[in-house]
Amino acid sequence: MNVSAFADDLLFFATTQWGLQRQVNTAVEFLARCNLRVNTSKSMTISIMIDGKNKRVKIVDPMICVGGIPVRSLKPGEQFRYLGVFFRPDGLLSYDPVAQISD
């Protein structure tokens, strides 16, 4: 699976920067044919690379663009919420069911 979609939210997954950029370009072209566009101010990327030599993960900026506009890359310590689950660039997830019920 390389894409997840719910309502007007899209998540793309790729193993390379080139692959992710290709998916984004394809989506942007399709959306344009439907008179829709990507809101780059609400878009972001997370790139997690495995550093096998040092047995850890690295967070890098994949430099993905939408129509020539760079998409913000999440930095260490930042997170985003998708369908009630918070994602972080270090690959960890957090879900607080009490907060979900309160919302």
Protein backbone atom coordinates (compact mmCIF):
# COMPACT_ATOMS: atom_id res chain seq x y z
CA MET A 1 0.00 0.00 0.00
CA ASN A 2 1.46 3.36 -0.96
CA VAL A 3 -1.49 5.70 -0.30
CA SER A 4 -4.10 6.22 2.38
CA ALA A 5 -7.08 8.49 1.84
CA PHE A 6 -9.95 9.69 3.97
CA ALA A 7 -12.30 12.51 2.90
CA ASP A 8 -9.96 15.26 1.66
CA ASP A 9 -6.80 13.92 3.34
CA LEU A 10 -4.15 11.95 1.48
CA LEU A 11 -1.09 10.14 2.83
CA PHE A 12 1.55 8.86 0.41
CA PHE A 13 4.18 6.28 1.33
CA ALA A 14 7.35 5.67 -0.67
CA THR A 15 10.74 4.09 -0.17
CA THR A 16 12.59 6.82 -2.09
CA GLN A 17 12.38 10.57 -2.49
CA TRP A 18 11.97 10.11 -6.24
CA GLY A 19 9.08 7.68 -5.71
CA LEU A 20 7.30 10.07 -3.36
CA GLN A 21 7.75 13.00 -5.72
CA ARG A 22 6.35 10.90 -8.56
CA GLN A 23 3.26 10.00 -6.50
CA VAL A 24 2.72 13.64 -5.56
CA ASN A 25 3.07 14.76 -9.19
CA THR A 26 0.55 12.15 -10.32
CA ALA A 27 -1.93 13.19 -7.61
CA VAL A 28 -1.51 16.90 -8.42
CA GLU A 29 -2.17 16.25 -12.11
CA PHE A 30 -5.25 14.15 -11.34
CA LEU A 31 -6.64 16.69 -8.87
CA ALA A 32 -6.12 19.51 -11.39
CA ARG A 33 -8.30 17.62 -13.89
CA CYS A 34 -11.01 17.59 -11.21
CA ASN A 35 -10.58 21.34 -10.57
CA LEU A 36 -8.98 20.63 -7.19
CA ARG A 37 -5.59 21.61 -5.83
CA VAL A 38 -3.23 20.68 -3.02
CA ASN A 39 -3.08 23.19 -0.17
CA THR A 40 0.67 23.34 0.41
CA SER A 41 0.23 25.33 3.62
CA LYS A 42 -1.55 22.29 5.11
CA SER A 43 0.84 19.73 3.58
CA MET A 44 3.95 18.21 5.11
CA THR A 45 6.42 15.40 4.67
CA ILE A 46 8.13 13.02 7.03
CA SER A 47 11.20 11.13 5.89
CA ILE A 48 12.61 8.40 8.10
CA MET A 49 15.80 6.69 6.96
CA ILE A 50 17.40 3.69 8.61
CA ASP A 51 21.04 4.08 9.53
CA GLY A 52 21.95 0.40 9.79
CA LYS A 53 25.60 1.07 10.55
CA ASN A 54 24.73 3.03 13.71
CA LYS A 55 21.54 1.03 14.41
CA ARG A 56 19.22 4.04 14.54
CA VAL A 57 16.88 6.06 12.38
CA LYS A 58 17.60 9.46 10.86
CA ILE A 59 15.09 12.14 9.98
CA VAL A 60 15.90 13.88 6.72
CA ASP A 61 14.24 16.52 4.54
CA PRO A 62 13.13 14.83 1.30
CA MET A 63 12.59 18.20 -0.46
CA ILE A 64 9.26 17.33 -2.07
CA CYS A 65 7.54 20.01 -4.15
CA VAL A 66 3.96 20.59 -5.27
CA GLY A 67 3.88 22.64 -8.45
CA GLY A 68 7.37 23.96 -7.73
CA ILE A 69 6.46 24.93 -4.15
CA PRO A 70 8.48 23.08 -1.48
CA VAL A 71 6.41 21.12 1.05
CA ARG A 72 7.35 21.65 4.70
CA SER A 73 9.19 18.74 6.27
CA LEU A 74 8.40 17.76 9.85
CA LYS A 75 11.37 18.24 12.17
CA PRO A 76 12.29 16.15 15.22
CA GLY A 77 9.91 16.93 18.08
CA GLU A 78 7.05 18.03 15.78
CA GLN A 79 3.96 15.94 15.16
CA PHE A 80 0.80 15.95 13.08
CA ARG A 81 -2.65 14.56 13.66
CA TYR A 82 -4.33 12.25 11.15
CA LEU A 83 -7.67 10.64 11.99
CA GLY A 84 -7.11 11.26 15.70
CA VAL A 85 -3.65 9.70 15.83
CA PHE A 86 -0.54 11.83 16.30
CA PHE A 87 2.45 10.92 14.10
CA ARG A 88 6.02 12.00 14.74
CA PRO A 89 9.02 11.96 12.41
CA ASP A 90 10.83 9.48 14.66
CA GLY A 91 8.16 6.93 13.69
CA LEU A 92 6.38 6.85 17.03
CA LEU A 93 2.63 7.20 17.30
CA SER A 94 0.56 8.40 20.19
CA TYR A 95 -3.14 7.93 20.69
CA ASP A 96 -5.06 9.27 23.65
CA PRO A 97 -8.56 7.74 23.70
CA VAL A 98 -9.66 10.03 26.57
CA ALA A 99 -8.81 13.11 24.50
CA GLN A 100 -10.62 11.54 21.54
CA ILE A 101 -13.78 11.10 23.60
CA SER A 102 -13.52 14.67 24.91
CA ASP A 103 -13.27 16.07 21.36
